[in-house]
Amino acid sequence: MKKTLLVLRNEVLSNVTRKSYLFIAFGVPLIAVLIIVGVRVLREAASDGAGGGSTGPSSAPELQVEGYVDYGGLITQISPDVPEGILVPYPDEASAHQALSAGEISAYYVIPADYVESGDLLYVNPDVMPLSSGKQSWVMRRTIFNNLLGNDPERIDRARLPMDVEAVALAPPQMQRDEDNPLTFYVPYGAMMISYMVILMSSSLLLNSVGEEKKNRVMEVMLLSVSPRQMLAGKIAGLGILGLLQAVIWFGSGLLLLRVSGQTMSLPANLQLPLSILAWGILFFLLGYAVYASLMAGLGALAPSPKEASSAVILVIWPMIVPMFFYVFLIEETQGALATGLSLFPLTAPVAMMTRLAAGGVPLWQPLLAAALLALTAVIIVRAVAGLFHARHLLSGQSLSVRRFFAALLGRA
């Protein structure tokens, strides 16, 4: 046990300080969060400049005096946040035009008697391109908005924030899909891609570690003092800690982005992913990582060089790629035979099950059974791969092939 912990410690310390790991684990999610938060801030700033909830200019001296002619008797009170004397009433267009000619006002509005029905309003400005209208159009907009609501402060506040919805889904999970919302598809698809990339990148760390140590003959020295199973267990656990950290950051960032985006993109209720999916993501990552990291280590032990090992990765990861060919069935037919089979088969379960869980409507017994089968597979593969760490494999120099790889796993090479 002590030797296993020493191997674990060495793997963690030697990889956690790598710039590539720090960027992928922390930099990529941070960039994504900053982008989403930035978009939200820009949208809020844009919405503040329009509608009844818009704010006025930061300084009153920038405003120019304007007039208005109200034929419908709509305006009974100027909005309280409009500076006094900025909006001047006139009984008819003639008097407003006379004030405009005299320079008493810079422009004036004409509100027709049927404004409430038509919404039409006339703006008279002597400038060919009235620059001032864009800066202080909020003055008339705010005044009309308040008067349409009877200048009732409670109604005005409620109209600016008409509702704060708390959605409660009463239908069964499989009946909650909103086919018109593209996010119903992209959220499970994103969960699938995150699961695939996190497991692949974490497992690749072990492949690189074994390949480099075999190339530098460090592994031969280590095997003199530790058993193959102790070395493999320490490497899997050490790099698994780093992979788990990366998985938690990625899945946590995904949930954070989804919740932040939901404030501006109106996510349907069934896409408000529960925190339980993070727990499932961690469980299936650990089990999937144990399987694929062990297989990657076996590649590194059998391949004569790290380059050849990297080029043969497809021998190991192809089961994780299979669900991507059938992602439509995993997302749209979560209870179908194909989706269920892919999520229960151990080598495809880490990706397929997380896709289905994000899509919703998965009975509890299925992820539990998938996790149990995956754990059993991980134990079998770890034991088989540990047997590859012997001199006849590490020093053979034979080229890597599909037949030799699987024969070695079965103990026939």
Protein backbone atom coordinates (compact mmCIF):
# COMPACT_ATOMS: atom_id res chain seq x y z
CA MET A 1 0.00 0.00 0.00
CA LYS A 2 2.82 2.39 0.86
CA LYS A 3 4.48 1.83 -2.51
CA THR A 4 1.19 2.43 -4.29
CA LEU A 5 0.83 5.75 -2.48
CA LEU A 6 4.36 6.75 -3.48
CA VAL A 7 3.55 6.08 -7.15
CA LEU A 8 0.30 8.01 -6.74
CA ARG A 9 2.09 10.99 -5.21
CA ASN A 10 4.69 11.06 -7.96
CA GLU A 11 2.04 11.01 -10.71
CA VAL A 12 0.04 13.84 -9.15
CA LEU A 13 3.02 16.11 -8.53
CA SER A 14 4.58 15.54 -11.93
CA ASN A 15 1.38 16.26 -13.88
CA VAL A 16 -0.52 18.85 -11.87
CA THR A 17 2.07 21.54 -12.61
CA ARG A 18 2.02 21.05 -16.36
CA LYS A 19 0.82 24.12 -18.22
CA SER A 20 -1.22 22.02 -20.64
CA TYR A 21 -3.15 20.40 -17.77
CA LEU A 22 -3.75 23.70 -15.97
CA PHE A 23 -5.05 25.33 -19.15
CA ILE A 24 -7.40 22.47 -20.06
CA ALA A 25 -8.68 21.92 -16.51
CA PHE A 26 -9.05 25.55 -15.42
CA GLY A 27 -8.46 27.83 -18.40
CA VAL A 28 -11.06 26.43 -20.81
CA PRO A 29 -14.00 26.50 -18.32
CA LEU A 30 -12.95 29.96 -17.09
CA ILE A 31 -12.95 31.33 -20.63
CA ALA A 32 -16.40 29.84 -21.25
CA VAL A 33 -17.80 31.32 -18.02
CA LEU A 34 -16.35 34.76 -18.82
CA ILE A 35 -17.88 34.68 -22.30
CA ILE A 36 -21.35 33.77 -21.02
CA VAL A 37 -21.22 36.31 -18.19
CA GLY A 38 -20.00 38.97 -20.62
CA VAL A 39 -22.86 38.25 -23.01
CA ARG A 40 -25.34 38.48 -20.15
CA VAL A 41 -23.92 41.82 -18.98
CA LEU A 42 -24.10 43.21 -22.51
CA ARG A 43 -27.69 42.04 -22.90
CA GLU A 44 -28.70 43.61 -19.60
CA ALA A 45 -27.00 46.85 -20.59
CA ALA A 46 -28.83 46.80 -23.92
CA SER A 47 -32.18 46.09 -22.28
CA ASP A 48 -31.65 48.97 -19.86
CA GLY A 49 -31.60 51.32 -22.83
CA ALA A 50 -35.05 50.30 -24.12
CA GLY A 51 -38.58 49.85 -22.80
CA GLY A 52 -40.22 51.18 -19.68
CA GLY A 53 -37.39 49.98 -17.47
CA SER A 54 -34.71 52.00 -19.25
CA THR A 55 -32.63 54.47 -17.36
CA GLY A 56 -32.09 58.04 -18.32
CA PRO A 57 -28.87 59.83 -19.20
CA SER A 58 -26.27 60.06 -16.48
CA SER A 59 -26.31 63.85 -16.41
CA ALA A 60 -29.34 66.17 -16.79
CA PRO A 61 -27.44 69.05 -18.54
CA GLU A 62 -27.22 66.84 -21.66
CA LEU A 63 -31.00 66.98 -22.05
CA GLN A 64 -32.64 69.62 -24.23
CA VAL A 65 -36.04 71.20 -23.63
CA GLU A 66 -38.75 69.63 -25.78
CA GLY A 67 -42.47 70.22 -26.06
CA TYR A 68 -45.50 68.09 -26.66
CA VAL A 69 -49.07 68.50 -27.89
CA ASP A 70 -51.45 65.96 -26.34
CA TYR A 71 -54.72 65.82 -28.30
CA GLY A 72 -55.90 62.71 -26.49
CA GLY A 73 -55.38 64.00 -22.95
CA LEU A 74 -53.14 61.05 -22.18
CA ILE A 75 -50.43 62.81 -20.18
CA THR A 76 -51.67 63.99 -16.81
CA GLN A 77 -48.32 63.92 -15.05
CA ILE A 78 -44.69 64.08 -16.15
CA SER A 79 -42.60 61.14 -14.97
CA PRO A 80 -40.97 61.96 -11.59
CA ASP A 81 -37.50 61.03 -12.82
CA VAL A 82 -37.67 63.50 -15.72
CA PRO A 83 -35.95 66.81 -14.77
CA GLU A 84 -38.40 69.66 -14.32
CA GLY A 85 -38.89 71.88 -17.35
CA ILE A 86 -37.47 69.39 -19.87
CA LEU A 87 -40.92 68.45 -21.28
CA VAL A 88 -43.25 71.44 -21.87
CA PRO A 89 -46.96 71.03 -22.79
CA TYR A 90 -48.61 73.12 -25.57
CA PRO A 91 -52.30 73.34 -26.43
CA ASP A 92 -51.87 72.91 -30.19
CA GLU A 93 -49.30 72.45 -32.93
CA ALA A 94 -49.27 76.13 -33.85
CA SER A 95 -48.09 77.24 -30.42
CA ALA A 96 -45.56 74.42 -30.26
CA HIS A 97 -44.24 75.37 -33.69
CA GLN A 98 -44.00 79.01 -32.63
CA ALA A 99 -41.98 78.03 -29.54
CA LEU A 100 -39.73 75.92 -31.73
CA SER A 101 -39.12 78.83 -34.12
CA ALA A 102 -38.35 81.11 -31.18
CA GLY A 103 -35.75 78.66 -29.87
CA GLU A 104 -37.63 77.98 -26.67
CA ILE A 105 -37.68 74.24 -27.38
CA SER A 106 -35.48 72.03 -29.56
CA ALA A 107 -38.31 69.78 -30.83
CA TYR A 108 -41.84 68.71 -29.99
CA TYR A 109 -44.08 65.65 -30.03
CA VAL A 110 -47.64 65.43 -31.31
CA ILE A 111 -49.74 62.79 -29.58
CA PRO A 112 -52.90 62.12 -31.64
CA ALA A 113 -56.29 61.47 -30.07
CA ASP A 114 -56.20 57.80 -31.15
CA TYR A 115 -52.71 57.14 -29.81
CA VAL A 116 -53.83 54.32 -27.50
CA GLU A 117 -55.36 52.43 -30.44
CA SER A 118 -52.73 53.24 -33.09
CA GLY A 119 -49.54 53.82 -31.12
CA ASP A 120 -48.51 56.47 -33.66
CA LEU A 121 -46.69 59.56 -32.47
CA LEU A 122 -45.27 62.50 -34.46
CA TYR A 123 -41.85 63.96 -33.63
CA VAL A 124 -40.98 67.36 -35.10
CA ASN A 125 -37.31 68.37 -35.10
CA PRO A 126 -35.74 71.02 -37.34
CA ASP A 127 -32.48 69.07 -37.65
CA VAL A 128 -32.07 66.93 -40.75
CA MET A 129 -30.57 64.23 -38.53
CA PRO A 130 -31.97 64.83 -35.03
CA LEU A 131 -29.12 63.65 -32.80
CA SER A 132 -30.84 64.67 -29.59
CA SER A 133 -33.85 62.39 -30.08
CA GLY A 134 -31.80 59.24 -29.63
CA LYS A 135 -30.25 60.52 -26.40
CA GLN A 136 -33.45 61.58 -24.65
CA SER A 137 -36.26 59.69 -26.33
CA TRP A 138 -36.53 57.90 -22.99
CA VAL A 139 -38.09 61.08 -21.54
CA MET A 140 -41.27 60.85 -23.61
CA ARG A 141 -41.25 57.05 -23.58
CA ARG A 142 -41.06 56.96 -19.78
CA THR A 143 -43.75 59.63 -19.43
CA ILE A 144 -46.19 57.84 -21.75
CA PHE A 145 -45.43 54.52 -20.09
CA ASN A 146 -46.24 55.89 -16.62
CA ASN A 147 -49.40 57.66 -17.75
CA LEU A 148 -50.73 54.58 -19.54
CA LEU A 149 -50.50 52.88 -16.13
CA GLY A 150 -52.26 55.76 -14.37
CA ASN A 151 -49.01 56.92 -12.72
CA ASP A 152 -49.51 54.20 -10.10
CA PRO A 153 -46.05 53.36 -8.65
CA GLU A 154 -47.01 49.75 -7.88
CA ARG A 155 -48.35 49.15 -11.39
CA ILE A 156 -45.27 50.80 -12.89
CA ASP A 157 -42.90 48.61 -10.89
CA ARG A 158 -44.89 45.50 -11.74
CA ALA A 159 -45.00 46.38 -15.46
CA ARG A 160 -41.22 46.83 -15.54
CA LEU A 161 -40.82 43.34 -14.01
CA PRO A 162 -44.10 41.67 -14.97
CA MET A 163 -43.37 38.21 -13.59
CA ASP A 164 -40.90 36.03 -11.77
CA VAL A 165 -41.76 32.52 -12.90
CA GLU A 166 -41.06 29.40 -10.90
CA ALA A 167 -41.73 26.47 -13.22
CA VAL A 168 -43.00 23.22 -11.73
CA ALA A 169 -43.01 20.23 -14.08
CA LEU A 170 -45.99 17.95 -13.39
CA ALA A 171 -45.57 15.63 -16.36
CA PRO A 172 -43.34 12.54 -16.22
CA PRO A 173 -39.74 13.31 -17.27
CA GLN A 174 -40.10 11.63 -20.66
CA MET A 175 -43.13 13.82 -21.43
CA GLN A 176 -41.45 17.13 -20.65
CA ARG A 177 -39.47 17.51 -23.87
CA ASP A 178 -39.89 20.77 -25.72
CA GLU A 179 -39.16 19.81 -29.32
CA ASP A 180 -39.30 23.45 -30.45
CA ASN A 181 -36.41 24.49 -28.21
CA PRO A 182 -33.01 23.59 -29.74
CA LEU A 183 -31.46 23.47 -26.25
CA THR A 184 -33.50 20.30 -25.60
CA PHE A 185 -31.09 18.64 -28.02
CA TYR A 186 -27.88 20.54 -27.37
CA VAL A 187 -27.78 20.12 -23.58
CA PRO A 188 -27.63 16.27 -23.69
CA TYR A 189 -25.29 16.50 -26.67
CA GLY A 190 -23.00 18.75 -24.63
CA ALA A 191 -23.08 16.26 -21.74
CA MET A 192 -22.05 13.50 -24.15
CA MET A 193 -19.12 15.50 -25.52
CA ILE A 194 -17.93 16.54 -22.05
CA SER A 195 -18.03 12.91 -20.85
CA TYR A 196 -16.10 11.72 -23.89
CA MET A 197 -13.43 14.43 -23.77
CA VAL A 198 -12.82 14.27 -20.02
CA ILE A 199 -12.40 10.48 -20.00
CA LEU A 200 -10.24 10.54 -23.14
CA MET A 201 -7.94 13.31 -21.93
CA SER A 202 -7.58 11.83 -18.45
CA SER A 203 -6.84 8.36 -19.84
CA SER A 204 -4.32 9.82 -22.28
CA LEU A 205 -2.33 11.11 -19.32
CA LEU A 206 -1.70 7.51 -18.27
CA LEU A 207 -0.79 6.49 -21.82
CA ASN A 208 1.79 9.29 -22.02
CA SER A 209 3.14 8.49 -18.57
CA VAL A 210 3.66 4.81 -19.32
CA GLY A 211 5.08 5.54 -22.77
CA GLU A 212 7.62 8.06 -21.48
CA GLU A 213 8.72 5.86 -18.57
CA LYS A 214 9.10 2.87 -20.85
CA LYS A 215 11.13 4.95 -23.34
CA ASN A 216 13.42 6.31 -20.60
CA ARG A 217 13.75 2.84 -18.99
CA VAL A 218 12.35 4.27 -15.75
CA MET A 219 9.62 1.63 -15.65
CA GLU A 220 12.13 -1.19 -15.57
CA VAL A 221 13.72 0.34 -12.48
CA MET A 222 10.33 0.86 -10.82
CA LEU A 223 9.33 -2.77 -11.42
CA LEU A 224 12.36 -3.84 -9.37
CA SER A 225 10.84 -2.32 -6.25
CA VAL A 226 7.07 -2.39 -6.87
CA SER A 227 4.79 -5.03 -8.30
CA PRO A 228 3.03 -4.40 -11.64
CA ARG A 229 -0.33 -4.20 -9.87
CA GLN A 230 0.97 -1.68 -7.31
CA MET A 231 2.47 0.48 -10.03
CA LEU A 232 -0.65 0.39 -12.19
CA ALA A 233 -2.92 1.06 -9.22
CA GLY A 234 -0.81 4.03 -8.13
CA LYS A 235 -0.76 5.48 -11.63
CA ILE A 236 -4.49 5.01 -12.14
CA ALA A 237 -5.31 6.53 -8.75
CA GLY A 238 -2.89 9.45 -9.09
CA LEU A 239 -3.92 10.46 -12.58
CA GLY A 240 -7.52 9.66 -11.67
CA ILE A 241 -7.40 12.35 -8.99
CA LEU A 242 -6.31 14.86 -11.60
CA GLY A 243 -8.92 13.61 -14.03
CA LEU A 244 -11.61 13.76 -11.34
CA LEU A 245 -10.65 17.34 -10.55
CA GLN A 246 -10.91 18.17 -14.22
CA ALA A 247 -14.25 16.35 -14.51
CA VAL A 248 -15.72 18.19 -11.50
CA ILE A 249 -14.56 21.53 -12.90
CA TRP A 250 -15.96 20.80 -16.35
CA PHE A 251 -19.31 19.40 -15.20
CA GLY A 252 -19.62 22.12 -12.55
CA SER A 253 -18.84 24.79 -15.11
CA GLY A 254 -21.40 23.23 -17.43
CA LEU A 255 -24.10 23.44 -14.75
CA LEU A 256 -23.07 27.00 -13.90
CA LEU A 257 -23.18 28.05 -17.55
CA LEU A 258 -26.57 26.42 -17.97
CA ARG A 259 -28.00 28.19 -14.95
CA VAL A 260 -26.49 31.57 -15.89
CA SER A 261 -27.62 31.19 -19.49
CA GLY A 262 -31.07 30.21 -18.30
CA GLN A 263 -31.61 33.75 -17.04
CA THR A 264 -31.27 35.14 -20.56
CA MET A 265 -32.20 32.25 -22.87
CA SER A 266 -35.47 31.12 -21.18
CA LEU A 267 -34.52 27.50 -20.65
CA PRO A 268 -37.52 25.15 -20.29
CA ALA A 269 -38.12 23.54 -16.91
CA ASN A 270 -36.87 20.13 -18.00
CA LEU A 271 -33.47 21.59 -18.88
CA GLN A 272 -32.79 22.92 -15.39
CA LEU A 273 -30.42 20.04 -14.68
CA PRO A 274 -30.43 18.83 -11.06
CA LEU A 275 -27.22 18.69 -9.07
CA SER A 276 -27.61 14.90 -8.94
CA ILE A 277 -26.35 14.72 -12.52
CA LEU A 278 -23.01 16.03 -11.25
CA ALA A 279 -22.82 13.07 -8.85
CA TRP A 280 -23.66 10.64 -11.65
CA GLY A 281 -21.07 12.35 -13.84
CA ILE A 282 -18.37 11.86 -11.20
CA LEU A 283 -19.32 8.19 -10.69
CA PHE A 284 -19.34 7.31 -14.39
CA PHE A 285 -16.15 9.27 -14.95
CA LEU A 286 -14.31 7.33 -12.22
CA LEU A 287 -15.49 3.97 -13.51
CA GLY A 288 -15.03 4.85 -17.17
CA TYR A 289 -11.63 6.29 -16.45
CA ALA A 290 -10.53 3.13 -14.62
CA VAL A 291 -11.46 1.05 -17.66
CA TYR A 292 -9.99 3.23 -20.38
CA ALA A 293 -6.94 4.37 -18.43
CA SER A 294 -6.05 0.71 -17.83
CA LEU A 295 -6.44 -0.05 -21.53
CA MET A 296 -4.30 2.99 -22.36
CA ALA A 297 -1.64 1.75 -19.96
CA GLY A 298 -1.74 -1.61 -21.74
CA LEU A 299 -1.14 0.18 -25.05
CA GLY A 300 1.82 2.00 -23.57
CA ALA A 301 3.28 -1.24 -22.24
CA LEU A 302 2.97 -3.13 -25.52
CA ALA A 303 3.84 -0.40 -28.02
CA PRO A 304 7.56 -0.14 -28.86
CA SER A 305 7.44 3.69 -28.77
CA PRO A 306 5.15 6.48 -27.45
CA LYS A 307 4.48 7.60 -31.04
CA GLU A 308 3.18 4.17 -32.06
CA ALA A 309 1.12 3.97 -28.87
CA SER A 310 -0.54 7.32 -29.62
CA SER A 311 -1.37 6.26 -33.16
CA ALA A 312 -3.01 3.07 -31.87
CA VAL A 313 -5.34 4.83 -29.40
CA ILE A 314 -8.30 4.10 -31.69
CA LEU A 315 -7.96 0.41 -30.68
CA VAL A 316 -9.07 1.41 -27.20
CA ILE A 317 -11.43 4.37 -27.55
CA TRP A 318 -13.68 3.12 -30.36
CA PRO A 319 -16.41 1.96 -27.95
CA MET A 320 -16.70 5.53 -26.63
CA ILE A 321 -17.10 6.80 -30.19
CA VAL A 322 -19.97 4.43 -31.00
CA PRO A 323 -22.61 6.40 -28.98
CA MET A 324 -21.78 9.50 -31.03
CA PHE A 325 -23.05 7.77 -34.16
CA PHE A 326 -26.38 7.10 -32.43
CA TYR A 327 -26.71 10.33 -30.44
CA VAL A 328 -30.13 11.05 -31.97
CA PHE A 329 -31.54 7.84 -30.46
CA LEU A 330 -29.89 8.57 -27.11
CA ILE A 331 -31.46 12.04 -26.95
CA GLU A 332 -34.82 11.63 -28.65
CA GLU A 333 -35.61 7.99 -27.83
CA THR A 334 -34.19 7.62 -24.35
CA GLN A 335 -36.36 4.57 -23.59
CA GLY A 336 -35.55 2.79 -26.86
CA ALA A 337 -33.78 -0.56 -26.99
CA LEU A 338 -30.69 0.88 -28.68
CA ALA A 339 -30.30 3.72 -26.18
CA THR A 340 -30.82 1.37 -23.24
CA GLY A 341 -28.37 -1.20 -24.61
CA LEU A 342 -25.62 1.36 -25.24
CA SER A 343 -26.03 2.84 -21.76
CA LEU A 344 -25.82 -0.57 -20.07
CA PHE A 345 -22.94 -2.03 -22.09
CA PRO A 346 -19.85 -1.26 -19.93
CA LEU A 347 -17.57 0.10 -22.66
CA THR A 348 -20.17 2.54 -24.02
CA ALA A 349 -21.95 3.30 -20.72
CA PRO A 350 -19.81 6.27 -19.53
CA VAL A 351 -20.78 8.33 -22.58
CA ALA A 352 -24.20 6.90 -23.45
CA MET A 353 -25.63 6.96 -19.92
CA MET A 354 -24.59 10.55 -19.25
CA THR A 355 -26.25 11.59 -22.51
CA ARG A 356 -29.51 9.89 -21.50
CA LEU A 357 -29.38 11.29 -17.97
CA ALA A 358 -29.03 14.81 -19.36
CA ALA A 359 -31.95 14.17 -21.73
CA GLY A 360 -34.11 12.92 -18.84
CA GLY A 361 -36.53 10.06 -18.33
CA VAL A 362 -34.07 7.34 -17.24
CA PRO A 363 -35.32 4.89 -14.57
CA LEU A 364 -33.07 4.79 -11.51
CA TRP A 365 -32.32 1.08 -11.86
CA GLN A 366 -30.60 1.58 -15.21
CA PRO A 367 -27.75 3.90 -14.11
CA LEU A 368 -27.31 1.75 -10.99
CA LEU A 369 -27.02 -1.42 -13.09
CA ALA A 370 -24.75 0.32 -15.61
CA ALA A 371 -22.45 1.49 -12.79
CA ALA A 372 -22.29 -2.01 -11.30
CA LEU A 373 -21.44 -3.62 -14.65
CA LEU A 374 -18.86 -0.93 -15.34
CA ALA A 375 -17.23 -1.45 -11.94
CA LEU A 376 -16.98 -5.20 -12.54
CA THR A 377 -15.45 -4.56 -15.97
CA ALA A 378 -12.94 -2.13 -14.46
CA VAL A 379 -11.74 -4.75 -11.95
CA ILE A 380 -11.31 -7.38 -14.67
CA ILE A 381 -9.44 -5.05 -17.04
CA VAL A 382 -7.14 -3.65 -14.32
CA ARG A 383 -6.13 -7.19 -13.36
CA ALA A 384 -5.56 -8.14 -17.01
CA VAL A 385 -3.50 -5.04 -17.83
CA ALA A 386 -1.34 -5.42 -14.71
CA GLY A 387 -0.18 -8.71 -16.20
CA LEU A 388 1.24 -6.84 -19.21
CA PHE A 389 3.88 -5.07 -17.14
CA HIS A 390 6.54 -7.75 -17.50
CA ALA A 391 9.89 -7.74 -19.24
CA ARG A 392 8.66 -9.91 -22.11
CA HIS A 393 6.23 -7.15 -23.08
CA LEU A 394 8.21 -4.06 -22.10
CA LEU A 395 11.36 -5.19 -23.89
CA SER A 396 9.96 -7.23 -26.76
CA GLY A 397 10.17 -4.45 -29.35
CA GLN A 398 7.40 -6.08 -31.42
CA SER A 399 5.08 -3.83 -33.39
CA LEU A 400 1.63 -3.26 -31.93
CA SER A 401 -1.37 -4.90 -33.59
CA VAL A 402 -5.00 -5.54 -32.72
CA ARG A 403 -4.40 -9.27 -32.46
CA ARG A 404 -1.36 -8.91 -30.21
CA PHE A 405 -3.09 -6.37 -27.97
CA PHE A 406 -6.17 -8.50 -27.25
CA ALA A 407 -4.13 -11.67 -27.04
CA ALA A 408 -1.95 -10.04 -24.38
CA LEU A 409 -5.03 -8.94 -22.42
CA LEU A 410 -6.29 -12.53 -22.44
CA GLY A 411 -2.89 -13.81 -21.32
CA ARG A 412 -2.14 -15.61 -24.57
CA ALA A 413 0.82 -13.55 -25.73
